[in-house]
């Protein structure tokens, strides 16, 4: 994860409203969450959560909760 507001991901600077997160896996795929949810900032051909696995993407800072001293993160849709 990066909170550096000057960092660019896919040619767009994160700014103060976004952070960069690495999507390792998707959990809680039940209850209608199947990974087809659109990313807030699509990145080239990476448009959905399922596409984002294995990539660093921009995510709204207001939808990130940190656990265990910033080692793990929970993203909220």
PDB file of N, CA and C in Angstrom:
ATOM      1  N   UNK A   1       0.843  -1.174   0.000  1.00  0.00           N
ATOM      2  CA  UNK A   1       0.000   0.000   0.000  1.00  0.00           C
ATOM      3  C   UNK A   1       0.884   1.232   0.000  1.00  0.00           C
ATOM      4  N   UNK A   2       0.421   2.273  -0.645  1.00  0.00           N
ATOM      5  CA  UNK A   2       1.111   3.544  -0.602  1.00  0.00           C
ATOM      6  C   UNK A   2       0.117   4.648  -0.279  1.00  0.00           C
ATOM      7  N   UNK A   3       0.523   5.532   0.608  1.00  0.00           N
ATOM      8  CA  UNK A   3      -0.297   6.690   0.952  1.00  0.00           C
ATOM      9  C   UNK A   3       0.338   7.977   0.423  1.00  0.00           C
ATOM     10  N   UNK A   4       1.376   7.839  -0.398  1.00  0.00           N
ATOM     11  CA  UNK A   4       2.067   8.987  -0.983  1.00  0.00           C
ATOM     12  C   UNK A   4       1.156   9.646  -2.015  1.00  0.00           C
ATOM     13  N   UNK A   5       0.629  10.817  -1.689  1.00  0.00           N
ATOM     14  CA  UNK A   5      -0.336  11.491  -2.560  1.00  0.00           C
ATOM     15  C   UNK A   5       0.260  11.929  -3.894  1.00  0.00           C
ATOM     16  N   UNK A   6       1.603  11.928  -4.003  1.00  0.00           N
ATOM     17  CA  UNK A   6       2.243  12.319  -5.259  1.00  0.00           C
ATOM     18  C   UNK A   6       2.529  11.117  -6.155  1.00  0.00           C
ATOM     19  N   UNK A   7       2.263   9.930  -5.656  1.00  0.00           N
ATOM     20  CA  UNK A   7       2.515   8.691  -6.413  1.00  0.00           C
ATOM     21  C   UNK A   7       1.541   8.583  -7.579  1.00  0.00           C
ATOM     22  N   UNK A   8       2.061   8.147  -8.702  1.00  0.00           N
ATOM     23  CA  UNK A   8       1.239   7.966  -9.893  1.00  0.00           C
ATOM     24  C   UNK A   8       0.993   6.483 -10.121  1.00  0.00           C
ATOM     25  N   UNK A   9      -0.260   6.117 -10.364  1.00  0.00           N
ATOM     26  CA  UNK A   9      -0.613   4.750 -10.718  1.00  0.00           C
ATOM     27  C   UNK A   9      -1.353   4.816 -12.047  1.00  0.00           C
ATOM     28  N   UNK A  10      -0.762   4.196 -13.044  1.00  0.00           N
ATOM     29  CA  UNK A  10      -1.369   4.215 -14.377  1.00  0.00           C
ATOM     30  C   UNK A  10      -1.422   5.591 -14.993  1.00  0.00           C
ATOM     31  N   UNK A  11      -0.500   6.464 -14.613  1.00  0.00           N
ATOM     32  CA  UNK A  11      -0.449   7.801 -15.184  1.00  0.00           C
ATOM     33  C   UNK A  11      -1.302   8.832 -14.468  1.00  0.00           C
ATOM     34  N   UNK A  12      -2.000   8.421 -13.397  1.00  0.00           N
ATOM     35  CA  UNK A  12      -2.834   9.353 -12.632  1.00  0.00           C
ATOM     36  C   UNK A  12      -2.302   9.450 -11.208  1.00  0.00           C
ATOM     37  N   UNK A  13      -2.063  10.678 -10.747  1.00  0.00           N
ATOM     38  CA  UNK A  13      -1.574  10.903  -9.391  1.00  0.00           C
ATOM     39  C   UNK A  13      -2.675  10.545  -8.393  1.00  0.00           C
ATOM     40  N   UNK A  14      -2.299   9.889  -7.296  1.00  0.00           N
ATOM     41  CA  UNK A  14      -3.280   9.471  -6.299  1.00  0.00           C
ATOM     42  C   UNK A  14      -4.031  10.644  -5.685  1.00  0.00           C
ATOM     43  N   UNK A  15      -3.316  11.693  -5.339  1.00  0.00           N
ATOM     44  CA  UNK A  15      -3.950  12.829  -4.671  1.00  0.00           C
ATOM     45  C   UNK A  15      -4.275  12.483  -3.225  1.00  0.00           C
ATOM     46  N   UNK A  16      -5.021  13.341  -2.574  1.00  0.00           N
ATOM     47  CA  UNK A  16      -5.324  13.151  -1.149  1.00  0.00           C
ATOM     48  C   UNK A  16      -6.495  12.220  -0.895  1.00  0.00           C
ATOM     49  N   UNK A  17      -7.332  11.988  -1.895  1.00  0.00           N
ATOM     50  CA  UNK A  17      -8.530  11.157  -1.694  1.00  0.00           C
ATOM     51  C   UNK A  17      -8.299   9.680  -1.948  1.00  0.00           C
ATOM     52  N   UNK A  18      -7.166   9.306  -2.563  1.00  0.00           N
ATOM     53  CA  UNK A  18      -6.911   7.914  -2.920  1.00  0.00           C
ATOM     54  C   UNK A  18      -5.610   7.412  -2.308  1.00  0.00           C
ATOM     55  N   UNK A  19      -5.530   6.097  -2.131  1.00  0.00           N
ATOM     56  CA  UNK A  19      -4.295   5.420  -1.735  1.00  0.00           C
ATOM     57  C   UNK A  19      -4.067   4.306  -2.745  1.00  0.00           C
ATOM     58  N   UNK A  20      -2.851   3.829  -2.849  1.00  0.00           N
ATOM     59  CA  UNK A  20      -2.551   2.705  -3.724  1.00  0.00           C
ATOM     60  C   UNK A  20      -2.589   1.421  -2.913  1.00  0.00           C
ATOM     61  N   UNK A  21      -3.339   0.440  -3.374  1.00  0.00           N
ATOM     62  CA  UNK A  21      -3.419  -0.847  -2.674  1.00  0.00           C
ATOM     63  C   UNK A  21      -3.103  -1.974  -3.639  1.00  0.00           C
ATOM     64  N   UNK A  22      -2.430  -2.988  -3.130  1.00  0.00           N
ATOM     65  CA  UNK A  22      -2.145  -4.188  -3.900  1.00  0.00           C
ATOM     66  C   UNK A  22      -3.261  -5.184  -3.618  1.00  0.00           C
ATOM     67  N   UNK A  23      -3.911  -5.658  -4.661  1.00  0.00           N
ATOM     68  CA  UNK A  23      -5.014  -6.610  -4.502  1.00  0.00           C
ATOM     69  C   UNK A  23      -4.439  -8.014  -4.634  1.00  0.00           C
ATOM     70  N   UNK A  24      -4.368  -8.714  -3.512  1.00  0.00           N
ATOM     71  CA  UNK A  24      -3.799 -10.065  -3.500  1.00  0.00           C
ATOM     72  C   UNK A  24      -4.860 -11.128  -3.786  1.00  0.00           C
ATOM     73  N   UNK A  25      -6.022 -10.958  -3.204  1.00  0.00           N
ATOM     74  CA  UNK A  25      -7.101 -11.928  -3.376  1.00  0.00           C
ATOM     75  C   UNK A  25      -8.423 -11.257  -3.045  1.00  0.00           C
ATOM     76  N   UNK A  26      -9.512 -11.892  -3.391  1.00  0.00           N
ATOM     77  CA  UNK A  26     -10.835 -11.404  -3.031  1.00  0.00           C
ATOM     78  C   UNK A  26     -11.431 -12.380  -2.023  1.00  0.00           C
ATOM     79  N   UNK A  27     -12.047 -11.845  -0.992  1.00  0.00           N
ATOM     80  CA  UNK A  27     -12.718 -12.665   0.004  1.00  0.00           C
ATOM     81  C   UNK A  27     -14.179 -12.275   0.057  1.00  0.00           C
ATOM     82  N   UNK A  28     -14.964 -13.063   0.741  1.00  0.00           N
ATOM     83  CA  UNK A  28     -16.400 -12.791   0.880  1.00  0.00           C
ATOM     84  C   UNK A  28     -17.075 -12.681  -0.481  1.00  0.00           C
ATOM     85  N   UNK A  29     -16.779 -13.614  -1.357  1.00  0.00           N
ATOM     86  CA  UNK A  29     -17.365 -13.574  -2.695  1.00  0.00           C
ATOM     87  C   UNK A  29     -18.832 -13.972  -2.720  1.00  0.00           C
ATOM     88  N   UNK A  30     -19.403 -14.308  -1.581  1.00  0.00           N
ATOM     89  CA  UNK A  30     -20.831 -14.602  -1.518  1.00  0.00           C
ATOM     90  C   UNK A  30     -21.627 -13.313  -1.425  1.00  0.00           C
ATOM     91  N   UNK A  31     -22.882 -13.430  -1.165  1.00  0.00           N
ATOM     92  CA  UNK A  31     -23.749 -12.258  -0.974  1.00  0.00           C
ATOM     93  C   UNK A  31     -23.712 -11.284  -2.147  1.00  0.00           C
ATOM     94  N   UNK A  32     -23.568 -11.795  -3.354  1.00  0.00           N
ATOM     95  CA  UNK A  32     -23.596 -10.918  -4.518  1.00  0.00           C
ATOM     96  C   UNK A  32     -22.254 -10.318  -4.892  1.00  0.00           C
ATOM     97  N   UNK A  33     -21.224 -10.489  -4.075  1.00  0.00           N
ATOM     98  CA  UNK A  33     -19.888  -9.991  -4.405  1.00  0.00           C
ATOM     99  C   UNK A  33     -19.145 -11.070  -5.179  1.00  0.00           C
ATOM    100  N   UNK A  34     -19.049 -10.912  -6.485  1.00  0.00           N
ATOM    101  CA  UNK A  34     -18.380 -11.929  -7.290  1.00  0.00           C
ATOM    102  C   UNK A  34     -17.132 -11.407  -8.000  1.00  0.00           C
ATOM    103  N   UNK A  35     -16.692 -10.217  -7.647  1.00  0.00           N
ATOM    104  CA  UNK A  35     -15.501  -9.650  -8.257  1.00  0.00           C
ATOM    105  C   UNK A  35     -15.777  -8.823  -9.492  1.00  0.00           C
ATOM    106  N   UNK A  36     -17.035  -8.724  -9.910  1.00  0.00           N
ATOM    107  CA  UNK A  36     -17.381  -7.944 -11.101  1.00  0.00           C
ATOM    108  C   UNK A  36     -17.612  -6.463 -10.802  1.00  0.00           C
ATOM    109  N   UNK A  37     -17.420  -6.067  -9.543  1.00  0.00           N
ATOM    110  CA  UNK A  37     -17.608  -4.665  -9.172  1.00  0.00           C
ATOM    111  C   UNK A  37     -16.546  -3.815  -9.867  1.00  0.00           C
ATOM    112  N   UNK A  38     -16.949  -2.678 -10.394  1.00  0.00           N
ATOM    113  CA  UNK A  38     -16.036  -1.788 -11.104  1.00  0.00           C
ATOM    114  C   UNK A  38     -15.084  -1.087 -10.141  1.00  0.00           C
ATOM    115  N   UNK A  39     -13.843  -0.906 -10.577  1.00  0.00           N
ATOM    116  CA  UNK A  39     -12.868  -0.156  -9.798  1.00  0.00           C
ATOM    117  C   UNK A  39     -13.218   1.328  -9.832  1.00  0.00           C
ATOM    118  N   UNK A  40     -12.948   2.053  -8.744  1.00  0.00           N
ATOM    119  CA  UNK A  40     -13.202   3.495  -8.745  1.00  0.00           C
ATOM    120  C   UNK A  40     -12.376   4.227  -9.812  1.00  0.00           C
ATOM    121  N   UNK A  41     -11.151   3.735 -10.049  1.00  0.00           N
ATOM    122  CA  UNK A  41     -10.282   4.285 -11.091  1.00  0.00           C
ATOM    123  C   UNK A  41      -9.746   3.129 -11.931  1.00  0.00           C
ATOM    124  N   UNK A  42     -10.423   2.776 -13.018  1.00  0.00           N
ATOM    125  CA  UNK A  42      -9.920   1.691 -13.865  1.00  0.00           C
ATOM    126  C   UNK A  42      -8.500   1.987 -14.343  1.00  0.00           C
ATOM    127  N   UNK A  43      -7.748   0.926 -14.564  1.00  0.00           N
ATOM    128  CA  UNK A  43      -6.336   1.054 -14.930  1.00  0.00           C
ATOM    129  C   UNK A  43      -6.092   0.226 -16.190  1.00  0.00           C
ATOM    130  N   UNK A  44      -6.043   0.884 -17.337  1.00  0.00           N
ATOM    131  CA  UNK A  44      -5.877   0.205 -18.624  1.00  0.00           C
ATOM    132  C   UNK A  44      -6.976  -0.846 -18.783  1.00  0.00           C
ATOM    133  N   UNK A  45      -6.626  -2.124 -18.899  1.00  0.00           N
ATOM    134  CA  UNK A  45      -7.642  -3.174 -19.067  1.00  0.00           C
ATOM    135  C   UNK A  45      -8.140  -3.712 -17.729  1.00  0.00           C
ATOM    136  N   UNK A  46      -7.641  -3.184 -16.634  1.00  0.00           N
ATOM    137  CA  UNK A  46      -8.063  -3.614 -15.297  1.00  0.00           C
ATOM    138  C   UNK A  46      -9.246  -2.749 -14.897  1.00  0.00           C
ATOM    139  N   UNK A  47     -10.439  -3.325 -15.010  1.00  0.00           N
ATOM    140  CA  UNK A  47     -11.650  -2.542 -14.781  1.00  0.00           C
ATOM    141  C   UNK A  47     -12.465  -3.024 -13.577  1.00  0.00           C
ATOM    142  N   UNK A  48     -12.337  -4.302 -13.219  1.00  0.00           N
ATOM    143  CA  UNK A  48     -13.120  -4.860 -12.105  1.00  0.00           C
ATOM    144  C   UNK A  48     -12.201  -5.331 -10.986  1.00  0.00           C
ATOM    145  N   UNK A  49     -12.801  -5.634  -9.839  1.00  0.00           N
ATOM    146  CA  UNK A  49     -12.029  -6.150  -8.707  1.00  0.00           C
ATOM    147  C   UNK A  49     -11.339  -7.460  -9.086  1.00  0.00           C
ATOM    148  N   UNK A  50     -12.026  -8.304  -9.829  1.00  0.00           N
ATOM    149  CA  UNK A  50     -11.451  -9.583 -10.255  1.00  0.00           C
ATOM    150  C   UNK A  50     -10.227  -9.342 -11.145  1.00  0.00           C
ATOM    151  N   UNK A  51     -10.301  -8.345 -12.022  1.00  0.00           N
ATOM    152  CA  UNK A  51      -9.166  -8.001 -12.889  1.00  0.00           C
ATOM    153  C   UNK A  51      -7.973  -7.485 -12.093  1.00  0.00           C
ATOM    154  N   UNK A  52      -8.241  -6.877 -10.939  1.00  0.00           N
ATOM    155  CA  UNK A  52      -7.206  -6.185 -10.164  1.00  0.00           C
ATOM    156  C   UNK A  52      -6.318  -7.119  -9.350  1.00  0.00           C
ATOM    157  N   UNK A  53      -6.684  -8.397  -9.243  1.00  0.00           N
ATOM    158  CA  UNK A  53      -5.864  -9.324  -8.457  1.00  0.00           C
ATOM    159  C   UNK A  53      -4.455  -9.364  -9.036  1.00  0.00           C
ATOM    160  N   UNK A  54      -3.474  -9.092  -8.164  1.00  0.00           N
ATOM    161  CA  UNK A  54      -2.075  -9.080  -8.565  1.00  0.00           C
ATOM    162  C   UNK A  54      -1.552  -7.723  -8.994  1.00  0.00           C
ATOM    163  N   UNK A  55      -2.367  -6.681  -8.840  1.00  0.00           N
ATOM    164  CA  UNK A  55      -1.972  -5.346  -9.281  1.00  0.00           C
ATOM    165  C   UNK A  55      -2.142  -4.308  -8.172  1.00  0.00           C
ATOM    166  N   UNK A  56      -1.403  -3.214  -8.300  1.00  0.00           N
ATOM    167  CA  UNK A  56      -1.539  -2.041  -7.433  1.00  0.00           C
ATOM    168  C   UNK A  56      -2.537  -1.107  -8.097  1.00  0.00           C
ATOM    169  N   UNK A  57      -3.611  -0.780  -7.380  1.00  0.00           N
ATOM    170  CA  UNK A  57      -4.656   0.084  -7.933  1.00  0.00           C
ATOM    171  C   UNK A  57      -4.969   1.219  -6.960  1.00  0.00           C
ATOM    172  N   UNK A  58      -5.603   2.259  -7.471  1.00  0.00           N
ATOM    173  CA  UNK A  58      -6.044   3.378  -6.630  1.00  0.00           C
ATOM    174  C   UNK A  58      -7.367   3.012  -5.980  1.00  0.00           C
ATOM    175  N   UNK A  59      -7.491   3.320  -4.690  1.00  0.00           N
ATOM    176  CA  UNK A  59      -8.713   3.025  -3.960  1.00  0.00           C
ATOM    177  C   UNK A  59      -9.034   4.214  -3.068  1.00  0.00           C
ATOM    178  N   UNK A  60     -10.304   4.581  -2.942  1.00  0.00           N
ATOM    179  CA  UNK A  60     -10.656   5.743  -2.113  1.00  0.00           C
ATOM    180  C   UNK A  60     -10.179   5.569  -0.668  1.00  0.00           C
ATOM    181  N   UNK A  61      -9.467   6.551  -0.174  1.00  0.00           N
ATOM    182  CA  UNK A  61      -8.941   6.516   1.187  1.00  0.00           C
ATOM    183  C   UNK A  61     -10.060   6.276   2.204  1.00  0.00           C
ATOM    184  N   UNK A  62     -11.240   6.831   1.937  1.00  0.00           N
ATOM    185  CA  UNK A  62     -12.362   6.695   2.866  1.00  0.00           C
ATOM    186  C   UNK A  62     -12.898   5.268   2.925  1.00  0.00           C
ATOM    187  N   UNK A  63     -12.472   4.413   2.000  1.00  0.00           N
ATOM    188  CA  UNK A  63     -12.947   3.032   1.951  1.00  0.00           C
ATOM    189  C   UNK A  63     -11.846   2.024   2.286  1.00  0.00           C
ATOM    190  N   UNK A  64     -10.846   2.467   3.052  1.00  0.00           N
ATOM    191  CA  UNK A  64      -9.754   1.585   3.458  1.00  0.00           C
ATOM    192  C   UNK A  64      -9.655   1.614   4.974  1.00  0.00           C
ATOM    193  N   UNK A  65      -9.573   0.426   5.555  1.00  0.00           N
ATOM    194  CA  UNK A  65      -9.381   0.295   6.991  1.00  0.00           C
ATOM    195  C   UNK A  65      -8.124  -0.534   7.214  1.00  0.00           C
ATOM    196  N   UNK A  66      -7.202  -0.051   8.012  1.00  0.00           N
ATOM    197  CA  UNK A  66      -5.950  -0.781   8.211  1.00  0.00           C
ATOM    198  C   UNK A  66      -6.035  -1.672   9.444  1.00  0.00           C
ATOM    199  N   UNK A  67      -5.346  -2.787   9.372  1.00  0.00           N
ATOM    200  CA  UNK A  67      -5.245  -3.727  10.470  1.00  0.00           C
ATOM    201  C   UNK A  67      -3.780  -4.115  10.646  1.00  0.00           C
ATOM    202  N   UNK A  68      -3.409  -4.442  11.859  1.00  0.00           N
ATOM    203  CA  UNK A  68      -2.062  -4.938  12.143  1.00  0.00           C
ATOM    204  C   UNK A  68      -0.972  -4.020  11.611  1.00  0.00           C
ATOM    205  N   UNK A  69      -1.010  -2.764  12.016  1.00  0.00           N
ATOM    206  CA  UNK A  69       0.028  -1.799  11.676  1.00  0.00           C
ATOM    207  C   UNK A  69       0.278  -1.677  10.173  1.00  0.00           C
ATOM    208  N   UNK A  70      -0.759  -1.518   9.408  1.00  0.00           N
ATOM    209  CA  UNK A  70      -0.681  -1.294   7.967  1.00  0.00           C
ATOM    210  C   UNK A  70      -0.130  -2.477   7.178  1.00  0.00           C
ATOM    211  N   UNK A  71      -0.167  -3.675   7.742  1.00  0.00           N
ATOM    212  CA  UNK A  71       0.270  -4.825   6.964  1.00  0.00           C
ATOM    213  C   UNK A  71      -0.883  -5.409   6.142  1.00  0.00           C
ATOM    214  N   UNK A  72      -2.072  -5.363   6.700  1.00  0.00           N
ATOM    215  CA  UNK A  72      -3.246  -5.878   6.003  1.00  0.00           C
ATOM    216  C   UNK A  72      -4.276  -4.772   5.901  1.00  0.00           C
ATOM    217  N   UNK A  73      -5.059  -4.798   4.861  1.00  0.00           N
ATOM    218  CA  UNK A  73      -6.047  -3.762   4.646  1.00  0.00           C
ATOM    219  C   UNK A  73      -7.363  -4.375   4.234  1.00  0.00           C
ATOM    220  N   UNK A  74      -8.422  -3.745   4.653  1.00  0.00           N
ATOM    221  CA  UNK A  74      -9.753  -4.162   4.232  1.00  0.00           C
ATOM    222  C   UNK A  74     -10.300  -3.056   3.342  1.00  0.00           C
ATOM    223  N   UNK A  75     -10.736  -3.417   2.155  1.00  0.00           N
ATOM    224  CA  UNK A  75     -11.304  -2.446   1.231  1.00  0.00           C
ATOM    225  C   UNK A  75     -12.816  -2.552   1.293  1.00  0.00           C
ATOM    226  N   UNK A  76     -13.468  -1.420   1.370  1.00  0.00           N
ATOM    227  CA  UNK A  76     -14.921  -1.379   1.426  1.00  0.00           C
ATOM    228  C   UNK A  76     -15.474  -0.879   0.113  1.00  0.00           C
ATOM    229  N   UNK A  77     -16.496  -1.563  -0.410  1.00  0.00           N
ATOM    230  CA  UNK A  77     -17.155  -1.150  -1.653  1.00  0.00           C
ATOM    231  C   UNK A  77     -18.148  -0.072  -1.351  1.00  0.00           C
TER     232      UNK A  77
END
